[in-house]
Amino acid sequence: MLQRALPLFQALILFLVGSVFVWFYAHGRINAYLTKAGSFQIQALLAGVVLCIIAVFLAHHQNLERI
């Protein structure tokens, strides 16, 4: 049971971390914390989106293995 739940738990954690990055970018929190940081804001947004995509892929792949 734990071996089946662990990849889904990992995917959930990845998705939460990625969504925090996207949320910080969307609500302007990164600009409040980092003034004149250059391209870091865009890099944080891209990292959040990539983490969310990886999390969805991991969750989907785990569901395919169960079948």
Protein backbone atom coordinates (compact mmCIF):
# COMPACT_ATOMS: atom_id res chain seq x y z
CA MET A 1 0.00 0.00 0.00
CA LEU A 2 2.78 2.43 0.90
CA GLN A 3 4.65 1.74 -2.33
CA ARG A 4 1.55 2.71 -4.32
CA ALA A 5 0.85 5.83 -2.29
CA LEU A 6 4.40 7.16 -2.18
CA PRO A 7 4.64 8.31 -5.84
CA LEU A 8 1.26 10.03 -5.54
CA PHE A 9 2.43 11.74 -2.36
CA GLN A 10 5.61 12.86 -4.13
CA ALA A 11 3.56 14.19 -7.05
CA LEU A 12 1.34 16.10 -4.63
CA ILE A 13 4.34 17.69 -2.92
CA LEU A 14 5.86 18.66 -6.28
CA PHE A 15 2.57 20.18 -7.38
CA LEU A 16 2.26 22.17 -4.15
CA VAL A 17 5.79 23.56 -4.44
CA GLY A 18 5.25 24.45 -8.09
CA SER A 19 1.93 26.12 -7.36
CA VAL A 20 3.57 28.21 -4.62
CA PHE A 21 6.10 29.49 -7.17
CA VAL A 22 3.32 30.31 -9.64
CA TRP A 23 1.22 31.94 -6.91
CA PHE A 24 4.14 34.11 -5.78
CA TYR A 25 4.65 35.26 -9.37
CA ALA A 26 0.95 35.83 -10.10
CA HIS A 27 0.31 37.88 -6.96
CA GLY A 28 3.46 39.99 -7.23
CA ARG A 29 5.10 38.62 -4.09
CA ILE A 30 8.38 38.05 -5.92
CA ASN A 31 8.49 41.72 -6.93
CA ALA A 32 7.88 42.72 -3.32
CA TYR A 33 10.73 40.57 -2.03
CA LEU A 34 13.19 41.02 -4.89
CA THR A 35 13.42 44.43 -6.48
CA LYS A 36 15.30 44.65 -9.75
CA ALA A 37 16.09 40.95 -9.77
CA GLY A 38 16.11 40.81 -13.55
CA SER A 39 15.00 37.54 -15.07
CA PHE A 40 14.56 35.74 -11.75
CA GLN A 41 10.82 36.41 -11.74
CA ILE A 42 10.40 34.66 -15.08
CA GLN A 43 12.67 31.81 -13.98
CA ALA A 44 10.56 31.29 -10.85
CA LEU A 45 7.39 31.21 -12.95
CA LEU A 46 8.89 28.71 -15.39
CA ALA A 47 10.22 26.55 -12.55
CA GLY A 48 6.76 26.47 -10.96
CA VAL A 49 5.08 25.52 -14.22
CA VAL A 50 7.68 22.81 -14.92
CA LEU A 51 7.26 21.37 -11.41
CA CYS A 52 3.48 21.24 -11.86
CA ILE A 53 3.86 19.51 -15.23
CA ILE A 54 6.27 16.95 -13.76
CA ALA A 55 3.86 16.32 -10.89
CA VAL A 56 0.95 15.70 -13.26
CA PHE A 57 3.12 13.39 -15.34
CA LEU A 58 4.20 11.41 -12.26
CA ALA A 59 0.63 11.06 -11.01
CA HIS A 60 -0.59 10.02 -14.45
CA HIS A 61 2.27 7.55 -14.89
CA GLN A 62 1.54 6.00 -11.48
CA ASN A 63 -2.11 5.53 -12.47
CA LEU A 64 -1.05 3.82 -15.71
CA GLU A 65 1.15 1.36 -13.79
CA ARG A 66 -1.80 0.29 -11.64
CA ILE A 67 -3.77 -0.88 -14.67
